[in-house]
Amino acid sequence: MPYGEPNDWPLHLVRSEVDGPDNELTDGLPATLADLAEFAGAPEIADHLEMAQSACEAAFAAFPDMNRVALQAAMALKAVRAARDACPDRARGEVHHRLAAKEIQLSHVMRIASGVSVRATLERDVLRPGEEVALSIETTGPVAEVTPVLPEGWRHSDGVVHVPAGAQSTVCYPAVYRPGVARLPAIRVGVTVGGVSSETLLPLERAPVVLPARSATLSPDRALINAAAETRQIDLRISDVFPHSGQAALALPSGWSAEPVAGGLRVEAPQDVASGLCSLPLQIDGAHAETVNRIAYPHIDARARTFPAQLSVRVLDVALPDVRIGYIGGGNDRVGHWLRALGLDVTDLADNDLTADSLRSVDTVVVGIFAMRARPALKDAMPQVKAWVEAGGNLVTLYHRPWDDWDPEKVPPRRLEIGKPSLRWRVTDENAEVTHLVPSHPLLNTPNRITDEDWKGWHKERGLYFAKSWDEAYEPLLSMADPDEAAHEGALLSARIGKGRHTHVALILHHQMEKLVPGAFRLMANLVARP
């Protein structure tokens, strides 16, 4: 939606689990500590919680008198702990996790109001198992108990942190986030106010990331072998090997081979290789290796994502049309790459190739996703492209959004309007049933017969930005729907245009190719066939 236009999508409540009004996010939930006893059905702890709530309110009122803020927070913490200890078993499920969170919050208030500040840094924030790194801790304010807290197996002595050889690599994106609780290594800070002691766990200035003990980068990390084509070889580049002296090798299926070449390996499958998905894990010095994606920006801590270092190879059998394909990419997909990997004759078309003479050298033009916006010259060349289609060319346009310079009256050979917002014109269930509206249509039969098997194993979704309306020349070929929703017919449209054809595809075939989904390759081979 263009900037400046309203984008408020009114929602309505379908079902409520709350007794009484349900108009706010907090309806049906305890808003204060004082409300918690009645909510949990635990009158035994009502007095403690009332005292805790009163002390919290007094701490707010005392600001900016930090000494009094700290004292009232300590009184609240003492009452919270008393409520926790007195909580009956029947109410613990509703009470204990809330009080645990409140204890963390109050402990931080006590430390901050007491003027205790701790700054801890490592000399490096990217580590490997078996390394050691200096740790410096600076404390300001009143005397406090400050100690490093390390992951299991780590050691700290004489200002140096020792990372064990068997240390696990850091999970930088954990499934659970706990506010106020730092991940290890961290610094435990203890303060005492009014006889009440508390501890807070503070993160290091920059949280360290432990990388795997063995890692490497594979390029490519996924590949395709089409049994219907001749190629059985994959040139694999192996870089960023750690340890640097390590010997890298693939664990190969029976009958496969790999020989060293400059910068990596040449992998070869047997001539009679069976269809399926093969995973070829990389080993360094005979042990499992991982691939590391490092993320480094000045405004965030170091980050890394790790996953098994392996080459995934999809072996399939796809019949190929005898066509010359011109691919116009917008930089947002690798469809041209995958068509070549399939064994097709593909030429990447530059802006200066979008002329009547150049177009006559290809049978099919595939326009990548968003290319109409990313390649302004393409939009300018659409009159020549349309003339080429009328003369017998095969135009395949992959999904576009309405704002990708897709003028429904001027861009396609005949009027074709893309629906918006995408929420209404998509099918998000990757397993949604697909109905062939014209089972005998050539695009569903030649050179590969598309069956229910080709719609299995899809990833993420079926497609989005489906066509909303179209000229009667276009024929919808598929119907599909998310559960409990009306069916869409704008996922795959095709029209005879003069002697040629235009097919618009809102299915996310480019994504399925990246995920090595067989049906995407079989359908794409059909789409690029001669009209």
Protein backbone atom coordinates (compact mmCIF):
# COMPACT_ATOMS: atom_id res chain seq x y z
CA MET A 1 0.00 0.00 0.00
CA PRO A 2 1.43 3.45 -0.93
CA TYR A 3 2.78 5.55 1.94
CA GLY A 4 0.29 8.01 3.36
CA GLU A 5 -2.80 5.90 2.73
CA PRO A 6 -4.71 4.49 5.73
CA ASN A 7 -3.78 0.91 6.51
CA ASP A 8 -6.06 0.15 9.45
CA TRP A 9 -7.63 -3.27 9.04
CA PRO A 10 -10.49 -3.59 11.56
CA LEU A 11 -10.54 -6.94 13.36
CA HIS A 12 -13.32 -8.64 15.27
CA LEU A 13 -13.28 -11.07 18.18
CA VAL A 14 -14.24 -14.57 17.04
CA ARG A 15 -14.08 -16.32 20.40
CA SER A 16 -13.46 -15.28 24.00
CA GLU A 17 -12.09 -17.29 26.91
CA VAL A 18 -12.86 -14.50 29.40
CA ASP A 19 -15.79 -14.41 31.80
CA GLY A 20 -17.27 -10.96 31.35
CA PRO A 21 -16.25 -8.12 29.00
CA ASP A 22 -13.39 -8.81 26.62
CA ASN A 23 -12.56 -5.45 25.13
CA GLU A 24 -8.95 -4.94 26.24
CA LEU A 25 -5.84 -7.11 26.20
CA THR A 26 -5.82 -7.07 30.02
CA ASP A 27 -9.45 -8.15 30.46
CA GLY A 28 -9.65 -11.35 32.49
CA LEU A 29 -6.08 -11.01 33.79
CA PRO A 30 -4.78 -9.72 37.14
CA ALA A 31 -3.65 -6.12 36.58
CA THR A 32 -1.75 -5.78 39.88
CA LEU A 33 -0.15 -7.97 42.52
CA ALA A 34 -3.12 -7.21 44.74
CA ASP A 35 -5.46 -8.76 42.14
CA LEU A 36 -3.48 -11.99 41.89
CA ALA A 37 -4.79 -13.71 45.03
CA GLU A 38 -8.43 -13.54 43.93
CA PHE A 39 -7.54 -14.41 40.32
CA ALA A 40 -5.66 -17.54 41.45
CA GLY A 41 -8.20 -18.48 44.14
CA ALA A 42 -5.60 -18.19 46.88
CA PRO A 43 -6.90 -15.97 49.73
CA GLU A 44 -4.06 -17.32 51.91
CA ILE A 45 -1.58 -15.00 50.20
CA ALA A 46 -3.81 -11.93 49.82
CA ASP A 47 -2.19 -9.97 52.69
CA HIS A 48 1.33 -10.59 51.37
CA LEU A 49 0.36 -9.48 47.89
CA GLU A 50 -1.42 -6.38 49.21
CA MET A 51 1.77 -5.44 51.05
CA ALA A 52 3.85 -6.04 47.92
CA GLN A 53 1.55 -3.89 45.81
CA SER A 54 1.57 -1.07 48.37
CA ALA A 55 5.38 -1.12 48.49
CA CYS A 56 5.59 -1.01 44.69
CA GLU A 57 3.30 2.02 44.60
CA ALA A 58 5.37 3.67 47.33
CA ALA A 59 8.53 3.06 45.26
CA PHE A 60 6.93 4.84 42.31
CA ALA A 61 5.88 7.74 44.53
CA ALA A 62 9.36 8.02 46.10
CA PHE A 63 11.13 8.76 42.81
CA PRO A 64 13.61 10.49 42.47
CA ASP A 65 14.64 9.71 46.06
CA MET A 66 16.69 6.65 45.10
CA ASN A 67 17.42 5.51 48.65
CA ARG A 68 13.70 5.36 49.37
CA VAL A 69 12.97 3.71 46.01
CA ALA A 70 15.49 0.97 46.85
CA LEU A 71 14.03 0.48 50.34
CA GLN A 72 10.43 0.22 49.09
CA ALA A 73 11.51 -2.21 46.33
CA ALA A 74 13.22 -4.34 49.00
CA MET A 75 10.02 -4.36 51.10
CA ALA A 76 8.02 -5.38 48.01
CA LEU A 77 10.49 -8.18 47.26
CA LYS A 78 10.25 -9.47 50.84
CA ALA A 79 6.45 -9.60 50.56
CA VAL A 80 6.59 -11.28 47.14
CA ARG A 81 8.83 -14.01 48.55
CA ALA A 82 6.49 -14.48 51.50
CA ALA A 83 3.55 -14.87 49.10
CA ARG A 84 5.51 -17.39 47.06
CA ASP A 85 6.37 -19.48 50.11
CA ALA A 86 2.79 -19.39 51.43
CA CYS A 87 1.13 -20.12 48.10
CA PRO A 88 -1.06 -23.26 48.27
CA ASP A 89 -0.30 -26.04 45.80
CA ARG A 90 -3.57 -25.55 43.91
CA ALA A 91 -2.59 -21.98 42.91
CA ARG A 92 1.08 -22.41 42.07
CA GLY A 93 0.43 -22.75 38.34
CA GLU A 94 -1.06 -19.26 38.23
CA VAL A 95 1.12 -17.62 40.90
CA HIS A 96 4.72 -18.84 40.88
CA HIS A 97 5.77 -17.78 37.36
CA ARG A 98 4.26 -14.32 37.89
CA LEU A 99 6.04 -13.83 41.20
CA ALA A 100 9.31 -15.13 39.72
CA ALA A 101 9.10 -12.42 37.05
CA LYS A 102 8.29 -9.82 39.70
CA GLU A 103 11.29 -10.88 41.79
CA ILE A 104 13.58 -10.32 38.80
CA GLN A 105 12.08 -6.88 38.21
CA LEU A 106 12.33 -5.80 41.84
CA SER A 107 15.92 -7.06 42.11
CA HIS A 108 16.87 -4.88 39.15
CA VAL A 109 15.12 -1.89 40.77
CA MET A 110 17.05 -2.45 44.00
CA ARG A 111 20.38 -2.63 42.18
CA ILE A 112 19.76 0.43 40.00
CA ALA A 113 18.32 2.54 42.84
CA SER A 114 21.31 1.58 45.02
CA GLY A 115 23.63 3.08 42.40
CA VAL A 116 25.40 -0.19 41.58
CA SER A 117 26.65 -0.33 38.00
CA VAL A 118 28.69 -3.17 36.49
CA ARG A 119 30.39 -3.25 33.09
CA ALA A 120 31.97 -6.51 31.94
CA THR A 121 33.72 -7.06 28.62
CA LEU A 122 35.61 -9.81 26.87
CA GLU A 123 38.58 -8.88 24.70
CA ARG A 124 36.91 -10.78 21.83
CA ASP A 125 33.26 -11.58 21.26
CA VAL A 126 33.70 -14.37 18.69
CA LEU A 127 35.23 -17.52 20.14
CA ARG A 128 36.01 -21.11 19.24
CA PRO A 129 36.00 -24.16 21.54
CA GLY A 130 39.32 -24.56 23.36
CA GLU A 131 40.18 -20.85 23.30
CA GLU A 132 40.70 -18.50 26.23
CA VAL A 133 39.87 -14.83 26.47
CA ALA A 134 40.48 -12.04 28.99
CA LEU A 135 37.50 -10.78 31.01
CA SER A 136 37.46 -7.30 32.58
CA ILE A 137 34.87 -6.21 35.15
CA GLU A 138 34.35 -2.59 36.22
CA THR A 139 32.09 -1.78 39.17
CA THR A 140 30.87 1.63 40.30
CA GLY A 141 28.73 2.59 43.27
CA PRO A 142 28.38 0.92 46.67
CA VAL A 143 30.08 -2.36 47.41
CA ALA A 144 28.28 -5.26 45.77
CA GLU A 145 28.97 -8.95 45.32
CA VAL A 146 30.03 -9.44 41.69
CA THR A 147 30.87 -12.85 40.24
CA PRO A 148 31.02 -14.27 36.70
CA VAL A 149 28.45 -16.95 35.89
CA LEU A 150 29.64 -19.24 33.10
CA PRO A 151 28.10 -22.01 31.03
CA GLU A 152 28.74 -25.56 32.21
CA GLY A 153 32.35 -26.58 31.66
CA TRP A 154 33.71 -23.05 31.30
CA ARG A 155 36.30 -21.77 33.81
CA HIS A 156 37.34 -18.33 35.08
CA SER A 157 40.68 -17.75 36.75
CA ASP A 158 42.99 -14.74 37.07
CA GLY A 159 40.80 -12.64 34.78
CA VAL A 160 40.77 -15.20 31.99
CA VAL A 161 37.78 -17.20 30.74
CA HIS A 162 38.60 -20.67 29.41
CA VAL A 163 36.20 -22.12 26.79
CA PRO A 164 36.21 -25.94 26.94
CA ALA A 165 37.13 -27.93 23.84
CA GLY A 166 33.69 -29.49 23.85
CA ALA A 167 31.76 -26.21 24.14
CA GLN A 168 28.52 -26.09 22.19
CA SER A 169 28.12 -23.37 19.59
CA THR A 170 25.95 -20.44 20.67
CA VAL A 171 22.26 -20.45 19.84
CA CYS A 172 21.81 -16.76 19.03
CA TYR A 173 18.09 -17.10 18.32
CA PRO A 174 16.65 -19.21 21.17
CA ALA A 175 13.04 -20.31 21.05
CA VAL A 176 12.35 -18.71 24.45
CA TYR A 177 13.20 -15.17 25.55
CA ARG A 178 13.21 -14.29 29.24
CA PRO A 179 13.21 -10.53 29.87
CA GLY A 180 15.63 -9.45 32.55
CA VAL A 181 17.61 -12.71 32.49
CA ALA A 182 20.92 -12.58 30.64
CA ARG A 183 22.21 -15.60 28.77
CA LEU A 184 25.51 -17.03 29.96
CA PRO A 185 28.25 -16.01 30.32
CA ALA A 186 26.95 -13.20 32.50
CA ILE A 187 27.70 -11.34 35.73
CA ARG A 188 25.80 -12.00 38.96
CA VAL A 189 25.39 -8.85 41.06
CA GLY A 190 24.20 -9.09 44.64
CA VAL A 191 22.97 -6.14 46.69
CA THR A 192 21.41 -5.88 50.17
CA VAL A 193 18.94 -3.17 51.11
CA GLY A 194 17.18 -2.99 54.48
CA GLY A 195 18.27 -6.53 55.29
CA VAL A 196 16.80 -7.90 52.03
CA SER A 197 19.31 -9.45 49.62
CA SER A 198 18.75 -9.77 45.90
CA GLU A 199 20.66 -10.92 42.86
CA THR A 200 20.50 -9.82 39.25
CA LEU A 201 22.12 -11.44 36.24
CA LEU A 202 23.62 -8.86 33.90
CA PRO A 203 24.79 -9.49 30.34
CA LEU A 204 28.29 -8.71 29.15
CA GLU A 205 28.69 -5.50 27.18
CA ARG A 206 28.79 -7.62 24.04
CA ALA A 207 27.53 -11.15 24.38
CA PRO A 208 30.11 -13.61 22.99
CA VAL A 209 29.31 -16.07 20.24
CA VAL A 210 30.96 -19.48 20.26
CA LEU A 211 31.38 -20.85 16.76
CA PRO A 212 31.53 -24.59 16.01
CA ALA A 213 34.79 -26.47 16.48
CA ARG A 214 34.61 -27.55 12.82
CA SER A 215 33.01 -25.48 10.11
CA ALA A 216 33.10 -24.74 6.40
CA THR A 217 31.06 -23.04 3.71
CA LEU A 218 29.80 -25.03 0.74
CA SER A 219 28.91 -23.45 -2.59
CA PRO A 220 26.49 -24.59 -3.75
CA ASP A 221 24.83 -26.15 -0.72
CA ARG A 222 22.02 -27.55 -2.90
CA ALA A 223 22.01 -28.93 -6.41
CA LEU A 224 19.88 -30.69 -8.98
CA ILE A 225 20.43 -33.75 -11.12
CA ASN A 226 17.89 -34.41 -13.85
CA ALA A 227 18.00 -38.05 -14.88
CA ALA A 228 16.56 -37.01 -18.25
CA ALA A 229 19.69 -34.89 -18.91
CA GLU A 230 23.27 -36.06 -19.28
CA THR A 231 25.01 -34.18 -16.47
CA ARG A 232 25.84 -36.12 -13.32
CA GLN A 233 28.59 -33.87 -11.99
CA ILE A 234 28.48 -31.14 -9.37
CA ASP A 235 31.43 -28.81 -8.81
CA LEU A 236 31.51 -28.02 -5.10
CA ARG A 237 33.56 -25.16 -3.69
CA ILE A 238 34.63 -25.53 -0.05
CA SER A 239 35.81 -22.39 1.75
CA ASP A 240 36.23 -20.95 5.25
CA VAL A 241 37.44 -24.30 6.56
CA PHE A 242 38.10 -24.38 10.31
CA PRO A 243 40.42 -25.59 11.67
CA HIS A 244 42.48 -24.25 8.80
CA SER A 245 44.59 -27.41 8.60
CA GLY A 246 41.53 -29.67 8.63
CA GLN A 247 40.85 -32.19 5.87
CA ALA A 248 37.39 -31.82 4.37
CA ALA A 249 35.51 -34.70 2.75
CA LEU A 250 31.93 -35.63 1.90
CA ALA A 251 30.15 -38.69 3.23
CA LEU A 252 28.91 -40.14 -0.07
CA PRO A 253 26.10 -42.58 -0.89
CA SER A 254 27.03 -45.88 -2.46
CA GLY A 255 28.11 -45.47 -6.07
CA TRP A 256 28.88 -41.74 -5.78
CA SER A 257 32.42 -40.37 -6.08
CA ALA A 258 34.28 -37.14 -5.34
CA GLU A 259 37.69 -36.05 -6.55
CA PRO A 260 39.64 -33.02 -5.35
CA VAL A 261 39.77 -29.99 -7.64
CA ALA A 262 41.04 -26.49 -7.05
CA GLY A 263 39.04 -24.98 -4.19
CA GLY A 264 36.85 -28.02 -3.54
CA LEU A 265 35.51 -31.27 -4.93
CA ARG A 266 33.97 -32.58 -8.14
CA VAL A 267 31.09 -34.78 -7.08
CA GLU A 268 29.69 -37.34 -9.50
CA ALA A 269 26.55 -39.43 -9.19
CA PRO A 270 26.22 -42.83 -10.86
CA GLN A 271 24.55 -42.91 -14.26
CA ASP A 272 21.63 -44.90 -12.88
CA VAL A 273 21.15 -42.72 -9.81
CA ALA A 274 17.71 -43.17 -8.25
CA SER A 275 15.26 -40.29 -7.86
CA GLY A 276 15.00 -38.71 -4.42
CA LEU A 277 16.67 -36.24 -2.11
CA CYS A 278 20.26 -37.05 -1.14
CA SER A 279 22.09 -35.36 1.74
CA LEU A 280 25.87 -35.45 1.52
CA PRO A 281 27.25 -34.24 4.90
CA LEU A 282 30.65 -32.63 5.10
CA GLN A 283 33.21 -33.96 7.54
CA ILE A 284 36.40 -32.28 8.69
CA ASP A 285 39.05 -34.66 9.98
CA GLY A 286 36.36 -37.32 10.06
CA ALA A 287 33.96 -35.37 12.31
CA HIS A 288 30.70 -33.58 11.61
CA ALA A 289 31.07 -29.99 10.36
CA GLU A 290 28.71 -27.02 10.36
CA THR A 291 28.24 -23.97 8.20
CA VAL A 292 28.29 -20.58 9.93
CA ASN A 293 26.48 -17.46 8.81
CA ARG A 294 28.00 -14.57 10.76
CA ILE A 295 26.09 -11.32 11.22
CA ALA A 296 28.09 -8.30 12.33
CA TYR A 297 26.86 -4.72 12.63
CA PRO A 298 28.11 -1.93 14.92
CA HIS A 299 24.68 -1.43 16.55
CA ILE A 300 24.10 -5.06 17.65
CA ASP A 301 25.97 -7.84 19.40
CA ALA A 302 27.75 -10.41 17.29
CA ARG A 303 25.36 -12.97 15.86
CA ALA A 304 25.77 -16.26 14.06
CA ARG A 305 23.52 -18.96 12.70
CA THR A 306 24.82 -22.47 12.29
CA PHE A 307 23.42 -25.42 10.42
CA PRO A 308 24.81 -28.75 9.22
CA ALA A 309 27.37 -28.40 6.45
CA GLN A 310 25.96 -30.60 3.73
CA LEU A 311 25.24 -30.71 0.04
CA SER A 312 21.58 -31.47 -0.67
CA VAL A 313 21.00 -33.01 -4.10
CA ARG A 314 17.57 -33.52 -5.61
CA VAL A 315 17.55 -36.26 -8.22
CA LEU A 316 14.47 -36.21 -10.42
CA ASP A 317 13.33 -37.22 -13.88
CA VAL A 318 11.85 -34.29 -15.78
CA ALA A 319 11.12 -34.39 -19.49
CA LEU A 320 12.48 -31.24 -21.13
CA PRO A 321 11.06 -29.31 -24.09
CA ASP A 322 13.41 -28.34 -26.90
CA VAL A 323 13.29 -24.58 -26.41
CA ARG A 324 15.57 -21.58 -26.20
CA ILE A 325 14.72 -19.58 -23.08
CA GLY A 326 15.42 -15.94 -22.36
CA TYR A 327 15.33 -15.13 -18.66
CA ILE A 328 14.68 -11.59 -17.38
CA GLY A 329 15.53 -11.53 -13.68
CA GLY A 330 14.90 -8.77 -11.18
CA GLY A 331 17.50 -9.92 -8.68
CA ASN A 332 14.95 -11.53 -6.37
CA ASP A 333 15.03 -15.15 -7.51
CA ARG A 334 17.32 -17.75 -9.12
CA VAL A 335 14.87 -19.23 -11.59
CA GLY A 336 17.35 -18.84 -14.46
CA HIS A 337 19.92 -20.82 -12.49
CA TRP A 338 17.49 -23.63 -11.74
CA LEU A 339 16.27 -23.85 -15.35
CA ARG A 340 19.88 -24.31 -16.44
CA ALA A 341 20.43 -26.88 -13.71
CA LEU A 342 17.43 -28.75 -15.06
CA GLY A 343 19.21 -29.02 -18.40
CA LEU A 344 17.43 -26.30 -20.37
CA ASP A 345 19.01 -23.80 -22.76
CA VAL A 346 18.78 -20.48 -20.90
CA THR A 347 20.18 -17.05 -21.74
CA ASP A 348 20.01 -14.14 -19.29
CA LEU A 349 18.59 -11.17 -21.17
CA ALA A 350 20.15 -7.77 -20.46
CA ASP A 351 18.28 -4.51 -21.00
CA ASN A 352 19.81 -4.08 -24.45
CA ASP A 353 18.53 -7.55 -25.40
CA LEU A 354 14.91 -6.46 -25.09
CA THR A 355 14.57 -5.66 -28.78
CA ALA A 356 12.54 -7.24 -31.56
CA ASP A 357 15.68 -8.72 -33.16
CA SER A 358 17.00 -10.22 -29.89
CA LEU A 359 13.62 -11.64 -28.91
CA ARG A 360 13.42 -13.56 -32.19
CA SER A 361 16.39 -15.65 -31.00
CA VAL A 362 14.39 -17.22 -28.14
CA ASP A 363 11.22 -19.30 -27.98
CA THR A 364 10.22 -18.50 -24.39
CA VAL A 365 10.77 -15.48 -22.17
CA VAL A 366 10.51 -15.96 -18.41
CA VAL A 367 10.08 -12.78 -16.37
CA GLY A 368 11.29 -13.20 -12.77
CA ILE A 369 9.44 -12.00 -9.69
CA PHE A 370 9.20 -8.20 -9.25
CA ALA A 371 11.22 -7.74 -12.46
CA MET A 372 8.78 -5.20 -13.89
CA ARG A 373 9.78 -2.84 -11.07
CA ALA A 374 13.43 -3.85 -10.80
CA ARG A 375 14.03 -3.61 -14.55
CA PRO A 376 12.46 -0.35 -15.84
CA ALA A 377 13.71 -1.17 -19.35
CA LEU A 378 11.47 -4.22 -19.35
CA LYS A 379 8.33 -2.17 -18.84
CA ASP A 380 9.42 0.14 -21.66
CA ALA A 381 10.03 -2.89 -23.90
CA MET A 382 6.63 -4.50 -23.30
CA PRO A 383 5.23 -3.33 -26.68
CA GLN A 384 8.03 -5.29 -28.44
CA VAL A 385 7.45 -8.25 -26.10
CA LYS A 386 3.73 -8.25 -26.89
CA ALA A 387 4.42 -8.17 -30.61
CA TRP A 388 6.81 -11.09 -30.15
CA VAL A 389 4.07 -13.02 -28.31
CA GLU A 390 1.56 -12.31 -31.08
CA ALA A 391 4.06 -13.70 -33.59
CA GLY A 392 4.37 -16.96 -31.68
CA GLY A 393 6.48 -16.30 -28.57
CA ASN A 394 5.80 -17.88 -25.18
CA LEU A 395 5.77 -15.35 -22.29
CA VAL A 396 5.81 -16.58 -18.69
CA THR A 397 5.50 -13.96 -15.95
CA LEU A 398 6.20 -15.00 -12.36
CA TYR A 399 4.40 -13.42 -9.46
CA HIS A 400 4.32 -9.65 -9.09
CA ARG A 401 2.72 -7.31 -6.60
CA PRO A 402 0.41 -4.56 -7.84
CA TRP A 403 2.99 -1.88 -7.01
CA ASP A 404 5.75 -3.63 -8.97
CA ASP A 405 4.87 -1.37 -11.92
CA TRP A 406 2.26 -3.92 -12.94
CA ASP A 407 -0.30 -1.88 -14.88
CA PRO A 408 -3.12 -4.39 -15.50
CA GLU A 409 -4.06 -2.65 -18.75
CA LYS A 410 -0.59 -2.05 -20.19
CA VAL A 411 1.89 -4.65 -18.91
CA PRO A 412 0.30 -8.03 -19.77
CA PRO A 413 -0.76 -8.81 -23.37
CA ARG A 414 -4.38 -8.73 -22.20
CA ARG A 415 -5.87 -7.12 -19.09
CA LEU A 416 -4.85 -8.98 -15.91
CA GLU A 417 -5.38 -7.45 -12.46
CA ILE A 418 -3.43 -8.61 -9.41
CA GLY A 419 -5.35 -8.76 -6.13
CA LYS A 420 -4.46 -6.80 -3.00
CA PRO A 421 -3.93 -6.98 -0.11
CA SER A 422 -2.03 -10.24 -0.38
CA LEU A 423 -3.83 -11.51 2.75
CA ARG A 424 -6.98 -11.90 0.66
CA TRP A 425 -5.33 -13.18 -2.52
CA ARG A 426 -3.10 -16.00 -1.42
CA VAL A 427 -3.13 -19.60 -0.19
CA THR A 428 -0.84 -20.01 2.81
CA ASP A 429 -1.43 -23.71 3.43
CA GLU A 430 1.38 -25.42 1.54
CA ASN A 431 -0.65 -28.62 1.63
CA ALA A 432 -3.86 -27.07 0.30
CA GLU A 433 -5.67 -29.31 -2.16
CA VAL A 434 -5.13 -28.25 -5.77
CA THR A 435 -7.84 -28.87 -8.35
CA HIS A 436 -7.02 -28.97 -12.06
CA LEU A 437 -9.80 -26.96 -13.71
CA VAL A 438 -8.74 -28.01 -17.22
CA PRO A 439 -7.11 -31.42 -16.76
CA SER A 440 -6.41 -31.81 -20.49
CA HIS A 441 -4.62 -28.46 -20.88
CA PRO A 442 -1.14 -28.77 -22.44
CA LEU A 443 0.51 -26.92 -19.55
CA LEU A 444 -0.63 -29.69 -17.21
CA ASN A 445 0.37 -32.52 -19.54
CA THR A 446 3.24 -31.64 -21.86
CA PRO A 447 5.96 -32.76 -21.65
CA ASN A 448 5.23 -33.84 -18.04
CA ARG A 449 1.85 -34.94 -16.78
CA ILE A 450 1.15 -32.97 -13.60
CA THR A 451 -0.55 -35.09 -10.93
CA ASP A 452 -1.41 -34.86 -7.25
CA GLU A 453 2.16 -36.00 -6.49
CA ASP A 454 3.50 -32.75 -7.90
CA TRP A 455 1.63 -30.74 -5.27
CA LYS A 456 3.18 -32.66 -2.37
CA GLY A 457 6.10 -31.52 -0.28
CA TRP A 458 5.63 -27.80 -0.94
CA HIS A 459 7.20 -25.33 1.45
CA LYS A 460 5.84 -22.17 3.10
CA GLU A 461 2.72 -21.61 0.96
CA ARG A 462 1.17 -22.25 -2.45
CA GLY A 463 1.33 -18.69 -3.69
CA LEU A 464 0.31 -15.09 -3.19
CA TYR A 465 -0.85 -12.01 -5.06
CA PHE A 466 -3.17 -14.17 -7.10
CA ALA A 467 -4.89 -12.54 -10.05
CA LYS A 468 -8.14 -10.86 -9.07
CA SER A 469 -9.71 -10.37 -12.50
CA TRP A 470 -8.65 -10.98 -16.08
CA ASP A 471 -9.58 -10.74 -19.73
CA GLU A 472 -11.70 -13.57 -21.06
CA ALA A 473 -8.73 -14.69 -23.16
CA TYR A 474 -7.12 -16.06 -20.00
CA GLU A 475 -8.09 -19.50 -18.80
CA PRO A 476 -7.70 -20.36 -15.10
CA LEU A 477 -6.05 -23.75 -14.79
CA LEU A 478 -6.01 -24.32 -11.02
CA SER A 479 -8.28 -23.86 -8.03
CA MET A 480 -7.14 -23.92 -4.40
CA ALA A 481 -8.10 -22.52 -1.01
CA ASP A 482 -6.99 -22.21 2.57
CA PRO A 483 -9.16 -24.08 5.11
CA ASP A 484 -12.65 -22.61 5.50
CA GLU A 485 -12.06 -20.03 2.78
CA ALA A 486 -13.42 -19.56 -0.71
CA ALA A 487 -11.38 -21.05 -3.54
CA HIS A 488 -9.05 -18.93 -5.68
CA GLU A 489 -8.63 -19.47 -9.41
CA GLY A 490 -5.99 -16.81 -10.10
CA ALA A 491 -2.88 -18.85 -9.26
CA LEU A 492 -2.15 -19.98 -12.84
CA LEU A 493 -3.68 -18.27 -15.87
CA SER A 494 -2.84 -18.88 -19.50
CA ALA A 495 -4.07 -17.28 -22.73
CA ARG A 496 -3.50 -17.82 -26.42
CA ILE A 497 -2.31 -14.48 -27.78
CA GLY A 498 -2.22 -14.53 -31.58
CA LYS A 499 0.19 -17.35 -32.46
CA GLY A 500 1.78 -17.28 -29.01
CA ARG A 501 0.88 -17.63 -25.37
CA HIS A 502 1.08 -15.69 -22.11
CA THR A 503 1.03 -17.56 -18.78
CA HIS A 504 0.96 -15.70 -15.48
CA VAL A 505 2.10 -17.65 -12.42
CA ALA A 506 1.28 -16.53 -8.85
CA LEU A 507 2.52 -19.84 -7.41
CA ILE A 508 5.83 -19.32 -5.61
CA LEU A 509 7.71 -21.65 -7.94
CA HIS A 510 10.97 -19.77 -7.38
CA HIS A 511 10.85 -20.61 -3.66
CA GLN A 512 9.91 -24.24 -4.27
CA MET A 513 12.90 -24.58 -6.59
CA GLU A 514 15.19 -23.32 -3.84
CA LYS A 515 13.68 -25.98 -1.58
CA LEU A 516 14.22 -28.63 -4.31
CA VAL A 517 10.51 -29.49 -4.59
CA PRO A 518 10.15 -31.87 -7.58
CA GLY A 519 6.71 -30.68 -8.70
CA ALA A 520 7.94 -27.11 -9.17
CA PHE A 521 10.56 -28.23 -11.69
CA ARG A 522 8.13 -30.47 -13.59
CA LEU A 523 5.53 -27.71 -13.84
CA MET A 524 8.14 -25.13 -14.86
CA ALA A 525 9.37 -27.39 -17.65
CA ASN A 526 5.81 -27.45 -18.98
CA LEU A 527 5.37 -23.68 -18.69
CA VAL A 528 8.42 -22.93 -20.83
CA ALA A 529 7.44 -25.37 -23.61
CA ARG A 530 6.51 -23.98 -27.02
CA PRO A 531 2.88 -22.86 -27.41
